Amino acid sequence: AALATCTGPASAAIRLLGLDPYAVHGLLAELAPEIETVSSRSC
């Protein structure tokens, strides 16, 4: 659930703004520790 709240908008941004999908995937990787923190506190 936590991951989907980031990947959905990020994927949409690629289509809406014509962004580099590799760069967007990279920024999602940057958010991975925060995604883990949110999920670990909700499990």
Full PDB file with SEQRES, HELIX, SHEET, SSBOND, CRYST1, ORIGX, SCALE, CONECT and MASTER records, all heavy atoms in Angstrom:
SEQRES   1 A   43  ALA ALA LEU ALA THR CYS THR GLY PRO ALA SER ALA ALA          
SEQRES   2 A   43  ILE ARG LEU LEU GLY LEU ASP PRO TYR ALA VAL HIS GLY          
SEQRES   3 A   43  LEU LEU ALA GLU LEU ALA PRO GLU ILE GLU THR VAL SER          
SEQRES   4 A   43  SER ARG SER CYS                                              
HELIX    1 AA1 ALA A    4  LEU A   17  1                                  14    
HELIX    2 AA2 PRO A   21  SER A   40  1                                  20    
CRYST1    1.000    1.000    1.000  90.00  90.00  90.00 P 1           1          
ORIGX1      1.000000  0.000000  0.000000        0.00000                         
ORIGX2      0.000000  1.000000  0.000000        0.00000                         
ORIGX3      0.000000  0.000000  1.000000        0.00000                         
SCALE1      1.000000  0.000000  0.000000        0.00000                         
SCALE2      0.000000  1.000000  0.000000        0.00000                         
SCALE3      0.000000  0.000000  1.000000        0.00000                         
ATOM      1  N   ALA A   1       0.829  -1.208   0.000  1.00  0.00           N  
ATOM      2  CA  ALA A   1       0.000   0.000   0.000  1.00  0.00           C  
ATOM      3  C   ALA A   1       0.860   1.255   0.000  1.00  0.00           C  
ATOM      4  O   ALA A   1       0.583   2.213  -0.731  1.00  0.00           O  
ATOM      5  CB  ALA A   1      -0.926  -0.007   1.216  1.00  0.00           C  
ATOM      6  N   ALA A   2       1.902   1.264   0.815  1.00  0.00           N  
ATOM      7  CA  ALA A   2       2.782   2.429   0.888  1.00  0.00           C  
ATOM      8  C   ALA A   2       3.498   2.647  -0.444  1.00  0.00           C  
ATOM      9  O   ALA A   2       3.611   3.782  -0.934  1.00  0.00           O  
ATOM     10  CB  ALA A   2       3.799   2.246   2.014  1.00  0.00           C  
ATOM     11  N   LEU A   3       3.970   1.568  -1.037  1.00  0.00           N  
ATOM     12  CA  LEU A   3       4.668   1.668  -2.320  1.00  0.00           C  
ATOM     13  C   LEU A   3       3.737   2.203  -3.400  1.00  0.00           C  
ATOM     14  O   LEU A   3       4.128   3.066  -4.205  1.00  0.00           O  
ATOM     15  CB  LEU A   3       5.210   0.302  -2.721  1.00  0.00           C  
ATOM     16  CG  LEU A   3       5.958   0.220  -4.064  1.00  0.00           C  
ATOM     17  CD1 LEU A   3       7.212   1.083  -4.031  1.00  0.00           C  
ATOM     18  CD2 LEU A   3       6.321  -1.235  -4.378  1.00  0.00           C  
ATOM     19  N   ALA A   4       2.498   1.731  -3.414  1.00  0.00           N  
ATOM     20  CA  ALA A   4       1.543   2.143  -4.449  1.00  0.00           C  
ATOM     21  C   ALA A   4       1.217   3.623  -4.380  1.00  0.00           C  
ATOM     22  O   ALA A   4       0.927   4.249  -5.405  1.00  0.00           O  
ATOM     23  CB  ALA A   4       0.262   1.324  -4.333  1.00  0.00           C  
ATOM     24  N   THR A   5       1.278   4.219  -3.183  1.00  0.00           N  
ATOM     25  CA  THR A   5       0.989   5.647  -3.079  1.00  0.00           C  
ATOM     26  C   THR A   5       2.071   6.486  -3.748  1.00  0.00           C  
ATOM     27  O   THR A   5       1.846   7.668  -4.039  1.00  0.00           O  
ATOM     28  CB  THR A   5       0.854   6.100  -1.608  1.00  0.00           C  
ATOM     29  OG1 THR A   5       2.089   5.882  -0.924  1.00  0.00           O  
ATOM     30  CG2 THR A   5      -0.261   5.365  -0.913  1.00  0.00           C  
ATOM     31  N   CYS A   6       3.233   5.878  -3.998  1.00  0.00           N  
ATOM     32  CA  CYS A   6       4.316   6.572  -4.702  1.00  0.00           C  
ATOM     33  C   CYS A   6       4.394   6.172  -6.172  1.00  0.00           C  
ATOM     34  O   CYS A   6       4.554   7.027  -7.053  1.00  0.00           O  
ATOM     35  CB  CYS A   6       5.658   6.276  -4.028  1.00  0.00           C  
ATOM     36  SG  CYS A   6       5.816   6.931  -2.362  1.00  0.00           S  
ATOM     37  N   THR A   7       4.278   4.881  -6.456  1.00  0.00           N  
ATOM     38  CA  THR A   7       4.460   4.422  -7.831  1.00  0.00           C  
ATOM     39  C   THR A   7       3.333   4.871  -8.752  1.00  0.00           C  
ATOM     40  O   THR A   7       3.570   5.170  -9.927  1.00  0.00           O  
ATOM     41  CB  THR A   7       4.573   2.891  -7.889  1.00  0.00           C  
ATOM     42  OG1 THR A   7       3.425   2.299  -7.262  1.00  0.00           O  
ATOM     43  CG2 THR A   7       5.835   2.410  -7.172  1.00  0.00           C  
ATOM     44  N   GLY A   8       2.108   4.939  -8.239  1.00  0.00           N  
ATOM     45  CA  GLY A   8       0.994   5.380  -9.069  1.00  0.00           C  
ATOM     46  C   GLY A   8       1.179   6.797  -9.593  1.00  0.00           C  
ATOM     47  O   GLY A   8       1.146   7.038 -10.805  1.00  0.00           O  
ATOM     48  N   PRO A   9       1.389   7.772  -8.692  1.00  0.00           N  
ATOM     49  CA  PRO A   9       1.619   9.141  -9.152  1.00  0.00           C  
ATOM     50  C   PRO A   9       2.882   9.281 -10.002  1.00  0.00           C  
ATOM     51  O   PRO A   9       2.895  10.043 -10.977  1.00  0.00           O  
ATOM     52  CB  PRO A   9       1.755   9.929  -7.842  1.00  0.00           C  
ATOM     53  CG  PRO A   9       1.013   9.133  -6.846  1.00  0.00           C  
ATOM     54  CD  PRO A   9       1.246   7.709  -7.232  1.00  0.00           C  
ATOM     55  N   ALA A  10       3.932   8.566  -9.642  1.00  0.00           N  
ATOM     56  CA  ALA A  10       5.183   8.663 -10.396  1.00  0.00           C  
ATOM     57  C   ALA A  10       4.998   8.166 -11.825  1.00  0.00           C  
ATOM     58  O   ALA A  10       5.472   8.786 -12.785  1.00  0.00           O  
ATOM     59  CB  ALA A  10       6.282   7.867  -9.698  1.00  0.00           C  
ATOM     60  N   SER A  11       4.293   7.057 -11.986  1.00  0.00           N  
ATOM     61  CA  SER A  11       4.027   6.522 -13.319  1.00  0.00           C  
ATOM     62  C   SER A  11       3.179   7.493 -14.123  1.00  0.00           C  
ATOM     63  O   SER A  11       3.405   7.699 -15.326  1.00  0.00           O  
ATOM     64  CB  SER A  11       3.316   5.167 -13.199  1.00  0.00           C  
ATOM     65  OG  SER A  11       2.968   4.666 -14.469  1.00  0.00           O  
ATOM     66  N   ALA A  12       2.199   8.113 -13.458  1.00  0.00           N  
ATOM     67  CA  ALA A  12       1.342   9.081 -14.141  1.00  0.00           C  
ATOM     68  C   ALA A  12       2.152  10.293 -14.585  1.00  0.00           C  
ATOM     69  O   ALA A  12       1.916  10.852 -15.664  1.00  0.00           O  
ATOM     70  CB  ALA A  12       0.213   9.513 -13.208  1.00  0.00           C  
ATOM     71  N   ALA A  13       3.111  10.708 -13.768  1.00  0.00           N  
ATOM     72  CA  ALA A  13       3.926  11.876 -14.102  1.00  0.00           C  
ATOM     73  C   ALA A  13       4.736  11.649 -15.373  1.00  0.00           C  
ATOM     74  O   ALA A  13       4.941  12.573 -16.165  1.00  0.00           O  
ATOM     75  CB  ALA A  13       4.861  12.212 -12.940  1.00  0.00           C  
ATOM     76  N   ILE A  14       5.189  10.417 -15.569  1.00  0.00           N  
ATOM     77  CA  ILE A  14       5.937  10.099 -16.790  1.00  0.00           C  
ATOM     78  C   ILE A  14       5.067  10.342 -18.011  1.00  0.00           C  
ATOM     79  O   ILE A  14       5.503  10.937 -19.008  1.00  0.00           O  
ATOM     80  CB  ILE A  14       6.423   8.644 -16.743  1.00  0.00           C  
ATOM     81  CG1 ILE A  14       7.459   8.460 -15.633  1.00  0.00           C  
ATOM     82  CG2 ILE A  14       7.023   8.229 -18.089  1.00  0.00           C  
ATOM     83  CD1 ILE A  14       7.860   7.010 -15.398  1.00  0.00           C  
ATOM     84  N   ARG A  15       3.811   9.912 -17.929  1.00  0.00           N  
ATOM     85  CA  ARG A  15       2.899  10.064 -19.061  1.00  0.00           C  
ATOM     86  C   ARG A  15       2.458  11.511 -19.238  1.00  0.00           C  
ATOM     87  O   ARG A  15       2.284  11.986 -20.357  1.00  0.00           O  
ATOM     88  CB  ARG A  15       1.691   9.157 -18.847  1.00  0.00           C  
ATOM     89  CG  ARG A  15       2.037   7.676 -18.840  1.00  0.00           C  
ATOM     90  CD  ARG A  15       0.909   6.808 -18.320  1.00  0.00           C  
ATOM     91  NE  ARG A  15      -0.299   6.890 -19.144  1.00  0.00           N  
ATOM     92  CZ  ARG A  15      -1.433   6.269 -18.855  1.00  0.00           C  
ATOM     93  NH1 ARG A  15      -1.512   5.538 -17.735  1.00  0.00           N  
ATOM     94  NH2 ARG A  15      -2.489   6.376 -19.649  1.00  0.00           N  
ATOM     95  N   LEU A  16       2.276  12.214 -18.144  1.00  0.00           N  
ATOM     96  CA  LEU A  16       1.755  13.580 -18.212  1.00  0.00           C  
ATOM     97  C   LEU A  16       2.815  14.601 -18.611  1.00  0.00           C  
ATOM     98  O   LEU A  16       2.518  15.571 -19.304  1.00  0.00           O  
ATOM     99  CB  LEU A  16       1.173  13.969 -16.853  1.00  0.00           C  
ATOM    100  CG  LEU A  16      -0.121  13.253 -16.437  1.00  0.00           C  
ATOM    101  CD1 LEU A  16      -0.348  13.415 -14.949  1.00  0.00           C  
ATOM    102  CD2 LEU A  16      -1.304  13.798 -17.225  1.00  0.00           C  
ATOM    103  N   LEU A  17       4.056  14.379 -18.156  1.00  0.00           N  
ATOM    104  CA  LEU A  17       5.109  15.367 -18.358  1.00  0.00           C  
ATOM    105  C   LEU A  17       6.213  14.909 -19.306  1.00  0.00           C  
ATOM    106  O   LEU A  17       7.117  15.688 -19.621  1.00  0.00           O  
ATOM    107  CB  LEU A  17       5.740  15.728 -17.000  1.00  0.00           C  
ATOM    108  CG  LEU A  17       4.816  16.428 -16.000  1.00  0.00           C  
ATOM    109  CD1 LEU A  17       5.470  16.482 -14.621  1.00  0.00           C  
ATOM    110  CD2 LEU A  17       4.468  17.825 -16.484  1.00  0.00           C  
ATOM    111  N   GLY A  18       6.137  13.657 -19.752  1.00  0.00           N  
ATOM    112  CA  GLY A  18       7.164  13.152 -20.647  1.00  0.00           C  
ATOM    113  C   GLY A  18       8.521  13.031 -19.969  1.00  0.00           C  
ATOM    114  O   GLY A  18       9.567  13.238 -20.603  1.00  0.00           O  
ATOM    115  N   LEU A  19       8.532  12.694 -18.673  1.00  0.00           N  
ATOM    116  CA  LEU A  19       9.782  12.584 -17.925  1.00  0.00           C  
ATOM    117  C   LEU A  19      10.533  11.309 -18.283  1.00  0.00           C  
ATOM    118  O   LEU A  19       9.953  10.345 -18.798  1.00  0.00           O  
ATOM    119  CB  LEU A  19       9.490  12.606 -16.420  1.00  0.00           C  
ATOM    120  CG  LEU A  19       8.785  13.854 -15.890  1.00  0.00           C  
ATOM    121  CD1 LEU A  19       8.504  13.701 -14.400  1.00  0.00           C  
ATOM    122  CD2 LEU A  19       9.617  15.098 -16.146  1.00  0.00           C  
ATOM    123  N   ASP A  20      11.825  11.302 -17.993  1.00  0.00           N  
ATOM    124  CA  ASP A  20      12.666  10.126 -18.220  1.00  0.00           C  
ATOM    125  C   ASP A  20      12.247   9.031 -17.231  1.00  0.00           C  
ATOM    126  O   ASP A  20      12.385   9.212 -16.010  1.00  0.00           O  
ATOM    127  CB  ASP A  20      14.128  10.498 -17.999  1.00  0.00           C  
ATOM    128  CG  ASP A  20      15.079   9.316 -18.153  1.00  0.00           C  
ATOM    129  OD1 ASP A  20      14.614   8.191 -18.445  1.00  0.00           O  
ATOM    130  OD2 ASP A  20      16.293   9.518 -17.978  1.00  0.00           O  
ATOM    131  N   PRO A  21      11.727   7.905 -17.701  1.00  0.00           N  
ATOM    132  CA  PRO A  21      11.258   6.863 -16.779  1.00  0.00           C  
ATOM    133  C   PRO A  21      12.362   6.293 -15.898  1.00  0.00           C  
ATOM    134  O   PRO A  21      12.107   5.872 -14.771  1.00  0.00           O  
ATOM    135  CB  PRO A  21      10.676   5.795 -17.713  1.00  0.00           C  
ATOM    136  CG  PRO A  21      11.282   6.061 -19.044  1.00  0.00           C  
ATOM    137  CD  PRO A  21      11.507   7.528 -19.113  1.00  0.00           C  
ATOM    138  N   TYR A  22      13.595   6.298 -16.399  1.00  0.00           N  
ATOM    139  CA  TYR A  22      14.706   5.780 -15.593  1.00  0.00           C  
ATOM    140  C   TYR A  22      14.995   6.722 -14.423  1.00  0.00           C  
ATOM    141  O   TYR A  22      15.267   6.283 -13.299  1.00  0.00           O  
ATOM    142  CB  TYR A  22      15.949   5.608 -16.458  1.00  0.00           C  
ATOM    143  CG  TYR A  22      15.806   4.502 -17.475  1.00  0.00           C  
ATOM    144  CD1 TYR A  22      15.377   4.778 -18.777  1.00  0.00           C  
ATOM    145  CD2 TYR A  22      16.073   3.174 -17.137  1.00  0.00           C  
ATOM    146  CE1 TYR A  22      15.223   3.768 -19.706  1.00  0.00           C  
ATOM    147  CE2 TYR A  22      15.928   2.149 -18.070  1.00  0.00           C  
ATOM    148  CZ  TYR A  22      15.500   2.460 -19.352  1.00  0.00           C  
ATOM    149  OH  TYR A  22      15.351   1.449 -20.276  1.00  0.00           O  
ATOM    150  N   ALA A  23      14.936   8.013 -14.691  1.00  0.00           N  
ATOM    151  CA  ALA A  23      15.161   8.991 -13.629  1.00  0.00           C  
ATOM    152  C   ALA A  23      14.050   8.913 -12.576  1.00  0.00           C  
ATOM    153  O   ALA A  23      14.315   9.006 -11.372  1.00  0.00           O  
ATOM    154  CB  ALA A  23      15.225  10.396 -14.221  1.00  0.00           C  
ATOM    155  N   VAL A  24      12.816   8.736 -13.030  1.00  0.00           N  
ATOM    156  CA  VAL A  24      11.699   8.639 -12.099  1.00  0.00           C  
ATOM    157  C   VAL A  24      11.824   7.379 -11.253  1.00  0.00           C  
ATOM    158  O   VAL A  24      11.577   7.398 -10.041  1.00  0.00           O  
ATOM    159  CB  VAL A  24      10.356   8.662 -12.859  1.00  0.00           C  
ATOM    160  CG1 VAL A  24       9.191   8.365 -11.907  1.00  0.00           C  
ATOM    161  CG2 VAL A  24      10.155  10.016 -13.525  1.00  0.00           C  
ATOM    162  N   HIS A  25      12.247   6.281 -11.871  1.00  0.00           N  
ATOM    163  CA  HIS A  25      12.435   5.057 -11.100  1.00  0.00           C  
ATOM    164  C   HIS A  25      13.553   5.249 -10.073  1.00  0.00           C  
ATOM    165  O   HIS A  25      13.492   4.715  -8.960  1.00  0.00           O  
ATOM    166  CB  HIS A  25      12.772   3.896 -12.035  1.00  0.00           C  
ATOM    167  CG  HIS A  25      12.199   2.587 -11.592  1.00  0.00           C  
ATOM    168  ND1 HIS A  25      10.850   2.315 -11.593  1.00  0.00           N  
ATOM    169  CD2 HIS A  25      12.795   1.464 -11.106  1.00  0.00           C  
ATOM    170  CE1 HIS A  25      10.635   1.095 -11.152  1.00  0.00           C  
ATOM    171  NE2 HIS A  25      11.802   0.566 -10.826  1.00  0.00           N  
ATOM    172  N   GLY A  26      14.548   6.017 -10.454  1.00  0.00           N  
ATOM    173  CA  GLY A  26      15.629   6.302  -9.528  1.00  0.00           C  
ATOM    174  C   GLY A  26      15.164   7.084  -8.313  1.00  0.00           C  
ATOM    175  O   GLY A  26      15.582   6.809  -7.187  1.00  0.00           O  
ATOM    176  N   LEU A  27      14.284   8.049  -8.518  1.00  0.00           N  
ATOM    177  CA  LEU A  27      13.802   8.820  -7.378  1.00  0.00           C  
ATOM    178  C   LEU A  27      12.902   7.968  -6.484  1.00  0.00           C  
ATOM    179  O   LEU A  27      12.849   8.181  -5.258  1.00  0.00           O  
ATOM    180  CB  LEU A  27      13.107  10.103  -7.836  1.00  0.00           C  
ATOM    181  CG  LEU A  27      11.749  10.061  -8.540  1.00  0.00           C  
ATOM    182  CD1 LEU A  27      10.605  10.006  -7.561  1.00  0.00           C  
ATOM    183  CD2 LEU A  27      11.603  11.299  -9.435  1.00  0.00           C  
ATOM    184  N   LEU A  28      12.210   7.001  -7.086  1.00  0.00           N  
ATOM    185  CA  LEU A  28      11.428   6.074  -6.263  1.00  0.00           C  
ATOM    186  C   LEU A  28      12.346   5.232  -5.392  1.00  0.00           C  
ATOM    187  O   LEU A  28      12.028   4.936  -4.235  1.00  0.00           O  
ATOM    188  CB  LEU A  28      10.562   5.173  -7.151  1.00  0.00           C  
ATOM    189  CG  LEU A  28       9.361   5.831  -7.824  1.00  0.00           C  
ATOM    190  CD1 LEU A  28       8.695   4.866  -8.803  1.00  0.00           C  
ATOM    191  CD2 LEU A  28       8.345   6.311  -6.792  1.00  0.00           C  
ATOM    192  N   ALA A  29      13.498   4.852  -5.949  1.00  0.00           N  
ATOM    193  CA  ALA A  29      14.479   4.095  -5.172  1.00  0.00           C  
ATOM    194  C   ALA A  29      14.988   4.933  -3.998  1.00  0.00           C  
ATOM    195  O   ALA A  29      15.249   4.397  -2.910  1.00  0.00           O  
ATOM    196  CB  ALA A  29      15.640   3.670  -6.065  1.00  0.00           C  
ATOM    197  N   GLU A  30      15.120   6.237  -4.209  1.00  0.00           N  
ATOM    198  CA  GLU A  30      15.540   7.121  -3.121  1.00  0.00           C  
ATOM    199  C   GLU A  30      14.517   7.114  -1.983  1.00  0.00           C  
ATOM    200  O   GLU A  30      14.874   7.277  -0.809  1.00  0.00           O  
ATOM    201  CB  GLU A  30      15.701   8.549  -3.637  1.00  0.00           C  
ATOM    202  CG  GLU A  30      16.852   8.764  -4.605  1.00  0.00           C  
ATOM    203  CD  GLU A  30      16.866  10.190  -5.131  1.00  0.00           C  
ATOM    204  OE1 GLU A  30      16.413  11.100  -4.399  1.00  0.00           O  
ATOM    205  OE2 GLU A  30      17.305  10.396  -6.275  1.00  0.00           O  
ATOM    206  N   LEU A  31      13.261   6.933  -2.343  1.00  0.00           N  
ATOM    207  CA  LEU A  31      12.194   6.936  -1.341  1.00  0.00           C  
ATOM    208  C   LEU A  31      12.009   5.581  -0.665  1.00  0.00           C  
ATOM    209  O   LEU A  31      11.230   5.472   0.293  1.00  0.00           O  
ATOM    210  CB  LEU A  31      10.870   7.354  -1.989  1.00  0.00           C  
ATOM    211  CG  LEU A  31      10.783   8.797  -2.504  1.00  0.00           C  
ATOM    212  CD1 LEU A  31       9.472   9.017  -3.238  1.00  0.00           C  
ATOM    213  CD2 LEU A  31      10.917   9.787  -1.358  1.00  0.00           C  
ATOM    214  N   ALA A  32      12.705   4.556  -1.147  1.00  0.00           N  
ATOM    215  CA  ALA A  32      12.520   3.204  -0.613  1.00  0.00           C  
ATOM    216  C   ALA A  32      12.693   3.126   0.908  1.00  0.00           C  
ATOM    217  O   ALA A  32      11.880   2.477   1.584  1.00  0.00           O  
ATOM    218  CB  ALA A  32      13.467   2.228  -1.313  1.00  0.00           C  
ATOM    219  N   PRO A  33      13.728   3.757   1.490  1.00  0.00           N  
ATOM    220  CA  PRO A  33      13.849   3.687   2.954  1.00  0.00           C  
ATOM    221  C   PRO A  33      12.642   4.287   3.679  1.00  0.00           C  
ATOM    222  O   PRO A  33      12.206   3.762   4.714  1.00  0.00           O  
ATOM    223  CB  PRO A  33      15.125   4.495   3.241  1.00  0.00           C  
ATOM    224  CG  PRO A  33      15.919   4.402   1.985  1.00  0.00           C  
ATOM    225  CD  PRO A  33      14.891   4.441   0.886  1.00  0.00           C  
ATOM    226  N   GLU A  34      12.084   5.375   3.140  1.00  0.00           N  
ATOM    227  CA  GLU A  34      10.916   5.975   3.763  1.00  0.00           C  
ATOM    228  C   GLU A  34       9.682   5.083   3.608  1.00  0.00           C  
ATOM    229  O   GLU A  34       8.843   5.007   4.512  1.00  0.00           O  
ATOM    230  CB  GLU A  34      10.642   7.356   3.162  1.00  0.00           C  
ATOM    231  CG  GLU A  34      11.742   8.369   3.452  1.00  0.00           C  
ATOM    232  CD  GLU A  34      11.441   9.732   2.869  1.00  0.00           C  
ATOM    233  OE1 GLU A  34      10.317  10.229   3.057  1.00  0.00           O  
ATOM    234  OE2 GLU A  34      12.338  10.300   2.223  1.00  0.00           O  
ATOM    235  N   ILE A  35       9.587   4.418   2.471  1.00  0.00           N  
ATOM    236  CA  ILE A  35       8.487   3.478   2.255  1.00  0.00           C  
ATOM    237  C   ILE A  35       8.578   2.334   3.267  1.00  0.00           C  
ATOM    238  O   ILE A  35       7.575   1.911   3.851  1.00  0.00           O  
ATOM    239  CB  ILE A  35       8.510   2.942   0.815  1.00  0.00           C  
ATOM    240  CG1 ILE A  35       8.180   4.077  -0.171  1.00  0.00           C  
ATOM    241  CG2 ILE A  35       7.516   1.790   0.636  1.00  0.00           C  
ATOM    242  CD1 ILE A  35       8.404   3.719  -1.626  1.00  0.00           C  
ATOM    243  N   GLU A  36       9.790   1.843   3.496  1.00  0.00           N  
ATOM    244  CA  GLU A  36       9.993   0.773   4.472  1.00  0.00           C  
ATOM    245  C   GLU A  36       9.638   1.244   5.879  1.00  0.00           C  
ATOM    246  O   GLU A  36       9.051   0.501   6.660  1.00  0.00           O  
ATOM    247  CB  GLU A  36      11.445   0.293   4.426  1.00  0.00           C  
ATOM    248  CG  GLU A  36      11.776  -0.569   3.218  1.00  0.00           C  
ATOM    249  CD  GLU A  36      11.023  -1.891   3.234  1.00  0.00           C  
ATOM    250  OE1 GLU A  36      10.648  -2.378   4.330  1.00  0.00           O  
ATOM    251  OE2 GLU A  36      10.799  -2.447   2.153  1.00  0.00           O  
ATOM    252  N   THR A  37      10.001   2.478   6.196  1.00  0.00           N  
ATOM    253  CA  THR A  37       9.695   3.006   7.527  1.00  0.00           C  
ATOM    254  C   THR A  37       8.191   3.086   7.749  1.00  0.00           C  
ATOM    255  O   THR A  37       7.678   2.680   8.799  1.00  0.00           O  
ATOM    256  CB  THR A  37      10.318   4.401   7.707  1.00  0.00           C  
ATOM    257  OG1 THR A  37      11.745   4.293   7.627  1.00  0.00           O  
ATOM    258  CG2 THR A  37       9.937   5.001   9.048  1.00  0.00           C  
ATOM    259  N   VAL A  38       7.486   3.599   6.751  1.00  0.00           N  
ATOM    260  CA  VAL A  38       6.028   3.702   6.864  1.00  0.00           C  
ATOM    261  C   VAL A  38       5.405   2.326   7.012  1.00  0.00           C  
ATOM    262  O   VAL A  38       4.530   2.104   7.865  1.00  0.00           O  
ATOM    263  CB  VAL A  38       5.445   4.432   5.632  1.00  0.00           C  
ATOM    264  CG1 VAL A  38       3.920   4.275   5.580  1.00  0.00           C  
ATOM    265  CG2 VAL A  38       5.811   5.899   5.664  1.00  0.00           C  
ATOM    266  N   SER A  39       5.846   1.369   6.206  1.00  0.00           N  
ATOM    267  CA  SER A  39       5.253   0.034   6.263  1.00  0.00           C  
ATOM    268  C   SER A  39       5.593  -0.687   7.564  1.00  0.00           C  
ATOM    269  O   SER A  39       4.763  -1.403   8.122  1.00  0.00           O  
ATOM    270  CB  SER A  39       5.701  -0.804   5.057  1.00  0.00           C  
ATOM    271  OG  SER A  39       7.095  -0.998   5.056  1.00  0.00           O  
ATOM    272  N   SER A  40       6.800  -0.497   8.072  1.00  0.00           N  
ATOM    273  CA  SER A  40       7.193  -1.193   9.299  1.00  0.00           C  
ATOM    274  C   SER A  40       6.412  -0.696  10.501  1.00  0.00           C  
ATOM    275  O   SER A  40       6.163  -1.447  11.448  1.00  0.00           O  
ATOM    276  CB  SER A  40       8.690  -1.018   9.554  1.00  0.00           C  
ATOM    277  OG  SER A  40       9.001   0.330   9.849  1.00  0.00           O  
ATOM    278  N   ARG A  41       5.998   0.567  10.457  1.00  0.00           N  
ATOM    279  CA  ARG A  41       5.225   1.120  11.566  1.00  0.00           C  
ATOM    280  C   ARG A  41       3.740   0.837  11.432  1.00  0.00           C  
ATOM    281  O   ARG A  41       2.956   1.210  12.301  1.00  0.00           O  
ATOM    282  CB  ARG A  41       5.454   2.629  11.643  1.00  0.00           C  
ATOM    283  CG  ARG A  41       6.872   2.988  12.059  1.00  0.00           C  
ATOM    284  CD  ARG A  41       7.103   4.474  12.018  1.00  0.00           C  
ATOM    285  NE  ARG A  41       8.456   4.805  12.436  1.00  0.00           N  
ATOM    286  CZ  ARG A  41       8.982   6.023  12.394  1.00  0.00           C  
ATOM    287  NH1 ARG A  41       8.249   7.036  11.942  1.00  0.00           N  
ATOM    288  NH2 ARG A  41      10.228   6.255  12.789  1.00  0.00           N  
ATOM    289  N   SER A  42       3.348   0.182  10.347  1.00  0.00           N  
ATOM    290  CA  SER A  42       1.923  -0.072  10.095  1.00  0.00           C  
ATOM    291  C   SER A  42       1.593  -1.558  10.059  1.00  0.00           C  
ATOM    292  O   SER A  42       0.451  -1.917   9.816  1.00  0.00           O  
ATOM    293  CB  SER A  42       1.521   0.548   8.749  1.00  0.00           C  
ATOM    294  OG  SER A  42       1.854   1.905   8.689  1.00  0.00           O  
ATOM    295  N   CYS A  43       2.584  -2.433  10.317  1.00  0.00           N  
ATOM    296  CA  CYS A  43       2.376  -3.843   9.989  1.00  0.00           C  
ATOM    297  C   CYS A  43       1.540  -4.607  11.003  1.00  0.00           C  
ATOM    298  O   CYS A  43       1.012  -5.658  10.693  1.00  0.00           O  
ATOM    299  CB  CYS A  43       3.717  -4.547   9.786  1.00  0.00           C  
ATOM    300  SG  CYS A  43       4.790  -4.545  11.232  1.00  0.00           S  
TER     301      CYS A  43                                                      
MASTER        0    0    0    2    0    0    0    6  300    1    0    4          
END                                                                             
